[in-house]
Every structure is written in C-alpha cells, then in structure tokens.
Amino acid sequence: MKTIIKTDKAPAPIGPYNQAILAGNTLYISGQIGINPATGEVAEGGVEEETKQVMKNLQAILSAADMSFKDVVKSSIFLSDMNDFRGVNGIYAAYFDSETAPARETVEVGNLPKFVNVEISMIAIK
C-alpha cells in the first residue's frame, strides 16, 4: 500500500508527482530544490542558500512522515556545477552524523528545474 505524504511546509509539486510516497516502511522523497514554500520563490544568495532551503524542505517532508534525517538511507544530489560541491557538502553534512550517514551520490547535470544550482532527493526507512 502506498500513502501520499504532503506538507505545506515544503513546496507543492509543480507537475504530476507528490512530495513523497510512503510504501510500507520506506519513504521516497521527490527531488527538492531551494524554493521557499511561503513565498514560492527560489532562495536568493547562491548555491549555499539554496542548499539550506532544500534541507529545510526535506526536513519538513521527513517530519510529515514522522521521520527524521536519522532514518535516511540514501541521498542523491544533483548539481548544476560540480565546483559547488564543497559548499553544498558542508551544509548537507551538518544534518548527519558521519558514522551513520546515508549512502549518497552527487552528480553534475546540464540543468535543473527553474535553473537552480542544487536538487536533492532521499529515501528513508523507519
């Protein structure tokens, strides 16, 4: 059985998808970009400010599913420029204990929605 997870504390989907799907005890979170859900605008200030907003959005979705970053087993990070890796990684790392951090890949892509700098998706298990 699948359960749709949604919260107004993260940006609403702009297409035929949901913020997250809970299937059994596994949560699949759609890629999040740095949109402030209160304003609908991309966070200003560059990739680090976008990453902070992305992590807030992910945290809100995890919370809506009664989960936390401790439950995340896999992350995927998409960057428009791999030169931004250090800044994104520094912010991302603050949300995880290095001993129990999830599996992850980081890839550079040609473009992202709204031409943002970073998008992150996650899988969590409770």
N, C-alpha and C. Protein backbone atom coordinates (compact mmCIF):
# COMPACT_ATOMS: atom_id res chain seq x y z
N MET A 1 0.84 -1.18 0.00
CA MET A 1 0.00 0.00 0.00
C MET A 1 0.88 1.24 0.00
N LYS A 2 0.47 2.25 -0.75
CA LYS A 2 1.24 3.48 -0.76
C LYS A 2 0.41 4.60 -0.17
N THR A 3 1.12 5.47 0.56
CA THR A 3 0.50 6.62 1.19
C THR A 3 1.17 7.87 0.66
N ILE A 4 0.37 8.84 0.25
CA ILE A 4 0.90 10.11 -0.23
C ILE A 4 1.26 10.95 0.99
N ILE A 5 2.47 11.47 1.00
CA ILE A 5 2.93 12.35 2.08
C ILE A 5 3.01 13.76 1.51
N LYS A 6 2.36 14.70 2.19
CA LYS A 6 2.44 16.09 1.73
C LYS A 6 2.35 17.02 2.93
N THR A 7 3.01 18.16 2.77
CA THR A 7 3.01 19.17 3.80
C THR A 7 3.08 20.54 3.15
N ASP A 8 2.46 21.52 3.77
CA ASP A 8 2.55 22.88 3.25
C ASP A 8 3.84 23.56 3.72
N LYS A 9 4.67 22.83 4.46
CA LYS A 9 5.96 23.37 4.92
C LYS A 9 7.08 23.08 3.93
N ALA A 10 6.72 22.49 2.80
CA ALA A 10 7.65 22.26 1.68
C ALA A 10 6.90 22.67 0.41
N PRO A 11 7.64 22.99 -0.65
CA PRO A 11 6.98 23.44 -1.87
C PRO A 11 6.01 22.40 -2.44
N ALA A 12 4.87 22.88 -2.94
CA ALA A 12 3.91 21.99 -3.59
C ALA A 12 4.49 21.51 -4.92
N PRO A 13 4.17 20.30 -5.32
CA PRO A 13 4.63 19.81 -6.62
C PRO A 13 4.12 20.69 -7.76
N ILE A 14 4.92 20.80 -8.81
CA ILE A 14 4.52 21.61 -9.96
C ILE A 14 4.22 20.73 -11.17
N GLY A 15 4.05 19.46 -10.93
CA GLY A 15 3.76 18.51 -12.00
C GLY A 15 3.05 17.30 -11.46
N PRO A 16 2.95 16.25 -12.25
CA PRO A 16 2.24 15.05 -11.83
C PRO A 16 3.09 14.14 -10.93
N TYR A 17 3.40 14.63 -9.75
CA TYR A 17 4.16 13.87 -8.76
C TYR A 17 3.79 14.38 -7.38
N ASN A 18 4.22 13.69 -6.34
CA ASN A 18 3.96 14.08 -4.95
C ASN A 18 5.28 14.39 -4.25
N GLN A 19 5.19 15.10 -3.15
CA GLN A 19 6.39 15.41 -2.37
C GLN A 19 7.08 14.12 -1.94
N ALA A 20 6.28 13.15 -1.52
CA ALA A 20 6.85 11.87 -1.09
C ALA A 20 5.79 10.79 -1.12
N ILE A 21 6.26 9.56 -1.20
CA ILE A 21 5.40 8.38 -1.15
C ILE A 21 5.95 7.46 -0.07
N LEU A 22 5.07 7.05 0.82
CA LEU A 22 5.42 6.06 1.83
C LEU A 22 4.88 4.72 1.36
N ALA A 23 5.78 3.79 1.12
CA ALA A 23 5.40 2.44 0.69
C ALA A 23 5.91 1.48 1.76
N GLY A 24 4.98 0.93 2.53
CA GLY A 24 5.39 0.11 3.67
C GLY A 24 6.09 1.01 4.68
N ASN A 25 7.33 0.67 4.99
CA ASN A 25 8.09 1.50 5.93
C ASN A 25 9.17 2.33 5.22
N THR A 26 9.07 2.42 3.89
CA THR A 26 10.07 3.15 3.09
C THR A 26 9.46 4.41 2.52
N LEU A 27 10.15 5.53 2.73
CA LEU A 27 9.72 6.83 2.24
C LEU A 27 10.59 7.25 1.07
N TYR A 28 9.97 7.55 -0.06
CA TYR A 28 10.66 8.02 -1.25
C TYR A 28 10.32 9.50 -1.41
N ILE A 29 11.33 10.36 -1.23
CA ILE A 29 11.10 11.80 -1.32
C ILE A 29 11.54 12.30 -2.69
N SER A 30 10.63 12.99 -3.36
CA SER A 30 10.95 13.59 -4.65
C SER A 30 12.05 14.63 -4.50
N GLY A 31 12.77 14.87 -5.58
CA GLY A 31 13.83 15.87 -5.56
C GLY A 31 13.30 17.22 -5.12
N GLN A 32 14.03 17.83 -4.20
CA GLN A 32 13.66 19.15 -3.68
C GLN A 32 14.68 20.18 -4.14
N ILE A 33 14.15 21.32 -4.54
CA ILE A 33 15.01 22.45 -4.88
C ILE A 33 14.78 23.54 -3.84
N GLY A 34 15.56 24.59 -3.89
CA GLY A 34 15.55 25.61 -2.86
C GLY A 34 14.42 26.62 -2.94
N ILE A 35 13.21 26.13 -3.10
CA ILE A 35 12.04 27.02 -3.11
C ILE A 35 11.52 27.20 -1.70
N ASN A 36 11.32 28.43 -1.31
CA ASN A 36 10.73 28.75 -0.02
C ASN A 36 9.22 28.52 -0.17
N PRO A 37 8.63 27.60 0.60
CA PRO A 37 7.21 27.30 0.43
C PRO A 37 6.30 28.47 0.78
N ALA A 38 6.77 29.38 1.61
CA ALA A 38 5.94 30.54 2.00
C ALA A 38 5.83 31.56 0.88
N THR A 39 6.89 31.69 0.08
CA THR A 39 6.89 32.71 -0.97
C THR A 39 6.77 32.13 -2.38
N GLY A 40 7.13 30.85 -2.52
CA GLY A 40 7.15 30.23 -3.84
C GLY A 40 8.35 30.63 -4.67
N GLU A 41 9.29 31.32 -4.06
CA GLU A 41 10.48 31.81 -4.76
C GLU A 41 11.71 30.99 -4.38
N VAL A 42 12.66 30.92 -5.30
CA VAL A 42 13.94 30.26 -5.03
C VAL A 42 14.74 31.12 -4.06
N ALA A 43 15.36 30.48 -3.08
CA ALA A 43 16.19 31.19 -2.11
C ALA A 43 17.27 31.98 -2.83
N GLU A 44 17.45 33.21 -2.44
CA GLU A 44 18.46 34.07 -3.05
C GLU A 44 19.78 33.95 -2.30
N GLY A 45 20.88 34.19 -2.99
CA GLY A 45 22.18 34.20 -2.35
C GLY A 45 23.11 33.12 -2.84
N GLY A 46 22.67 32.33 -3.83
CA GLY A 46 23.55 31.33 -4.40
C GLY A 46 23.31 29.93 -3.89
N VAL A 47 24.22 29.06 -4.26
CA VAL A 47 24.03 27.62 -4.03
C VAL A 47 23.94 27.27 -2.55
N GLU A 48 24.66 27.96 -1.69
CA GLU A 48 24.61 27.61 -0.27
C GLU A 48 23.26 27.97 0.34
N GLU A 49 22.70 29.11 -0.02
CA GLU A 49 21.38 29.47 0.48
C GLU A 49 20.32 28.54 -0.08
N GLU A 50 20.46 28.15 -1.34
CA GLU A 50 19.54 27.18 -1.94
C GLU A 50 19.62 25.85 -1.18
N THR A 51 20.84 25.41 -0.87
CA THR A 51 21.02 24.13 -0.17
C THR A 51 20.38 24.18 1.21
N LYS A 52 20.51 25.27 1.91
CA LYS A 52 19.88 25.40 3.23
C LYS A 52 18.37 25.25 3.10
N GLN A 53 17.78 25.86 2.07
CA GLN A 53 16.34 25.75 1.87
C GLN A 53 15.95 24.34 1.46
N VAL A 54 16.74 23.70 0.62
CA VAL A 54 16.49 22.31 0.23
C VAL A 54 16.43 21.43 1.47
N MET A 55 17.39 21.59 2.35
CA MET A 55 17.44 20.75 3.55
C MET A 55 16.24 21.03 4.47
N LYS A 56 15.80 22.28 4.55
CA LYS A 56 14.59 22.60 5.32
C LYS A 56 13.38 21.91 4.70
N ASN A 57 13.30 21.94 3.37
CA ASN A 57 12.18 21.30 2.69
C ASN A 57 12.19 19.79 2.94
N LEU A 58 13.35 19.18 2.84
CA LEU A 58 13.47 17.74 3.09
C LEU A 58 13.10 17.41 4.54
N GLN A 59 13.55 18.24 5.46
CA GLN A 59 13.25 18.02 6.87
C GLN A 59 11.73 18.09 7.11
N ALA A 60 11.06 19.03 6.46
CA ALA A 60 9.61 19.17 6.60
C ALA A 60 8.88 17.93 6.09
N ILE A 61 9.33 17.40 4.97
CA ILE A 61 8.70 16.21 4.40
C ILE A 61 8.97 14.99 5.28
N LEU A 62 10.20 14.83 5.75
CA LEU A 62 10.50 13.74 6.67
C LEU A 62 9.61 13.82 7.91
N SER A 63 9.48 15.02 8.45
CA SER A 63 8.66 15.23 9.64
C SER A 63 7.19 14.87 9.38
N ALA A 64 6.69 15.23 8.20
CA ALA A 64 5.30 14.91 7.84
C ALA A 64 5.07 13.40 7.80
N ALA A 65 6.13 12.64 7.58
CA ALA A 65 6.05 11.17 7.56
C ALA A 65 6.48 10.57 8.90
N ASP A 66 6.63 11.44 9.92
CA ASP A 66 7.07 11.01 11.25
C ASP A 66 8.45 10.36 11.19
N MET A 67 9.33 10.97 10.39
CA MET A 67 10.71 10.50 10.26
C MET A 67 11.65 11.68 10.45
N SER A 68 12.95 11.37 10.44
CA SER A 68 13.97 12.41 10.56
C SER A 68 15.16 12.03 9.67
N PHE A 69 16.16 12.88 9.65
CA PHE A 69 17.36 12.58 8.86
C PHE A 69 18.05 11.30 9.34
N LYS A 70 17.81 10.89 10.57
CA LYS A 70 18.40 9.64 11.07
C LYS A 70 17.83 8.42 10.34
N ASP A 71 16.67 8.57 9.72
CA ASP A 71 16.03 7.47 9.01
C ASP A 71 16.45 7.40 7.53
N VAL A 72 17.18 8.39 7.06
CA VAL A 72 17.57 8.44 5.64
C VAL A 72 18.66 7.39 5.37
N VAL A 73 18.41 6.58 4.33
CA VAL A 73 19.38 5.55 3.95
C VAL A 73 20.07 5.86 2.61
N LYS A 74 19.50 6.77 1.82
CA LYS A 74 20.07 7.08 0.50
C LYS A 74 19.72 8.51 0.11
N SER A 75 20.71 9.24 -0.38
CA SER A 75 20.51 10.59 -0.89
C SER A 75 21.10 10.68 -2.28
N SER A 76 20.48 11.49 -3.10
CA SER A 76 21.01 11.80 -4.43
C SER A 76 21.08 13.32 -4.54
N ILE A 77 22.26 13.82 -4.85
CA ILE A 77 22.47 15.26 -5.00
C ILE A 77 22.79 15.55 -6.46
N PHE A 78 22.07 16.51 -7.01
CA PHE A 78 22.29 16.94 -8.39
C PHE A 78 22.74 18.39 -8.37
N LEU A 79 23.88 18.65 -8.98
CA LEU A 79 24.46 19.99 -9.03
C LEU A 79 24.55 20.48 -10.47
N SER A 80 24.31 21.75 -10.66
CA SER A 80 24.49 22.32 -12.00
C SER A 80 25.96 22.61 -12.26
N ASP A 81 26.78 22.64 -11.19
CA ASP A 81 28.21 22.89 -11.32
C ASP A 81 28.94 22.15 -10.20
N MET A 82 29.75 21.17 -10.53
CA MET A 82 30.46 20.38 -9.53
C MET A 82 31.42 21.23 -8.70
N ASN A 83 31.76 22.40 -9.17
CA ASN A 83 32.59 23.31 -8.37
C ASN A 83 31.87 23.76 -7.10
N ASP A 84 30.56 23.57 -7.04
CA ASP A 84 29.78 23.94 -5.85
C ASP A 84 29.76 22.84 -4.80
N PHE A 85 30.41 21.71 -5.09
CA PHE A 85 30.34 20.55 -4.21
C PHE A 85 30.73 20.88 -2.77
N ARG A 86 31.81 21.56 -2.56
CA ARG A 86 32.30 21.82 -1.20
C ARG A 86 31.26 22.57 -0.36
N GLY A 87 30.67 23.62 -0.92
CA GLY A 87 29.68 24.39 -0.17
C GLY A 87 28.43 23.59 0.14
N VAL A 88 27.94 22.85 -0.85
CA VAL A 88 26.76 22.01 -0.65
C VAL A 88 27.06 20.92 0.37
N ASN A 89 28.19 20.26 0.23
CA ASN A 89 28.56 19.17 1.13
C ASN A 89 28.67 19.65 2.57
N GLY A 90 29.20 20.84 2.79
CA GLY A 90 29.34 21.38 4.14
C GLY A 90 27.99 21.57 4.82
N ILE A 91 27.02 22.08 4.08
CA ILE A 91 25.69 22.29 4.64
C ILE A 91 24.99 20.94 4.85
N TYR A 92 25.06 20.08 3.86
CA TYR A 92 24.45 18.75 3.93
C TYR A 92 25.01 17.98 5.14
N ALA A 93 26.31 18.03 5.33
CA ALA A 93 26.96 17.26 6.40
C ALA A 93 26.46 17.64 7.79
N ALA A 94 26.00 18.87 7.96
CA ALA A 94 25.53 19.32 9.27
C ALA A 94 24.26 18.58 9.72
N TYR A 95 23.59 17.90 8.80
CA TYR A 95 22.35 17.20 9.11
C TYR A 95 22.55 15.72 9.44
N PHE A 96 23.77 15.24 9.32
CA PHE A 96 24.04 13.82 9.51
C PHE A 96 25.25 13.60 10.41
N ASP A 97 25.20 12.49 11.16
CA ASP A 97 26.35 12.01 11.92
C ASP A 97 27.21 11.24 10.92
N SER A 98 28.48 11.56 10.82
CA SER A 98 29.33 10.92 9.81
C SER A 98 29.41 9.41 9.98
N GLU A 99 29.22 8.90 11.17
CA GLU A 99 29.27 7.46 11.41
C GLU A 99 28.06 6.72 10.85
N THR A 100 26.92 7.42 10.77
CA THR A 100 25.68 6.76 10.34
C THR A 100 25.05 7.45 9.13
N ALA A 101 25.82 8.27 8.45
CA ALA A 101 25.31 8.99 7.27
C ALA A 101 24.82 8.01 6.21
N PRO A 102 23.85 8.44 5.39
CA PRO A 102 23.32 7.54 4.37
C PRO A 102 24.28 7.33 3.20
N ALA A 103 23.97 6.35 2.38
CA ALA A 103 24.67 6.21 1.10
C ALA A 103 24.29 7.43 0.25
N ARG A 104 25.15 7.79 -0.71
CA ARG A 104 24.89 9.00 -1.48
C ARG A 104 25.66 9.00 -2.77
N GLU A 105 25.08 9.67 -3.77
CA GLU A 105 25.86 10.03 -4.96
C GLU A 105 25.62 11.49 -5.23
N THR A 106 26.59 12.11 -5.86
CA THR A 106 26.49 13.51 -6.27
C THR A 106 26.90 13.57 -7.72
N VAL A 107 26.03 14.15 -8.55
CA VAL A 107 26.32 14.22 -9.97
C VAL A 107 26.09 15.64 -10.48
N GLU A 108 26.85 16.00 -11.48
CA GLU A 108 26.65 17.27 -12.17
C GLU A 108 25.70 17.02 -13.33
N VAL A 109 24.73 17.92 -13.50
CA VAL A 109 23.76 17.80 -14.57
C VAL A 109 23.75 19.07 -15.42
N GLY A 110 23.18 18.97 -16.62
CA GLY A 110 23.15 20.11 -17.53
C GLY A 110 22.29 21.26 -17.02
N ASN A 111 21.12 20.96 -16.50
CA ASN A 111 20.19 21.95 -15.97
C ASN A 111 19.31 21.30 -14.93
N LEU A 112 18.73 22.13 -14.08
CA LEU A 112 17.78 21.68 -13.07
C LEU A 112 16.52 22.54 -13.19
N PRO A 113 15.40 22.09 -12.61
CA PRO A 113 14.18 22.89 -12.68
C PRO A 113 14.41 24.33 -12.19
N LYS A 114 13.80 25.26 -12.88
CA LYS A 114 13.92 26.68 -12.57
C LYS A 114 15.38 27.16 -12.63
N PHE A 115 16.25 26.36 -13.26
CA PHE A 115 17.67 26.68 -13.42
C PHE A 115 18.36 26.94 -12.08
N VAL A 116 17.94 26.17 -11.05
CA VAL A 116 18.58 26.27 -9.74
C VAL A 116 19.94 25.59 -9.78
N ASN A 117 20.66 25.70 -8.69
CA ASN A 117 22.00 25.14 -8.59
C ASN A 117 22.07 23.75 -8.00
N VAL A 118 21.04 23.36 -7.22
CA VAL A 118 21.10 22.09 -6.49
C VAL A 118 19.70 21.50 -6.33
N GLU A 119 19.63 20.17 -6.40
CA GLU A 119 18.40 19.42 -6.12
C GLU A 119 18.83 18.17 -5.36
N ILE A 120 18.05 17.81 -4.34
CA ILE A 120 18.36 16.63 -3.53
C ILE A 120 17.10 15.79 -3.34
N SER A 121 17.25 14.47 -3.55
CA SER A 121 16.17 13.54 -3.24
C SER A 121 16.68 12.56 -2.18
N MET A 122 15.75 11.91 -1.49
CA MET A 122 16.14 10.99 -0.42
C MET A 122 15.22 9.78 -0.34
N ILE A 123 15.74 8.72 0.25
CA ILE A 123 14.96 7.55 0.62
C ILE A 123 15.22 7.32 2.11
N ALA A 124 14.14 7.13 2.85
CA ALA A 124 14.26 6.89 4.29
C ALA A 124 13.48 5.64 4.66
N ILE A 125 13.92 4.95 5.70
CA ILE A 125 13.25 3.74 6.19
C ILE A 125 13.06 3.87 7.70
N LYS A 126 11.87 3.56 8.14
CA LYS A 126 11.57 3.62 9.58
C LYS A 126 11.49 2.21 10.13
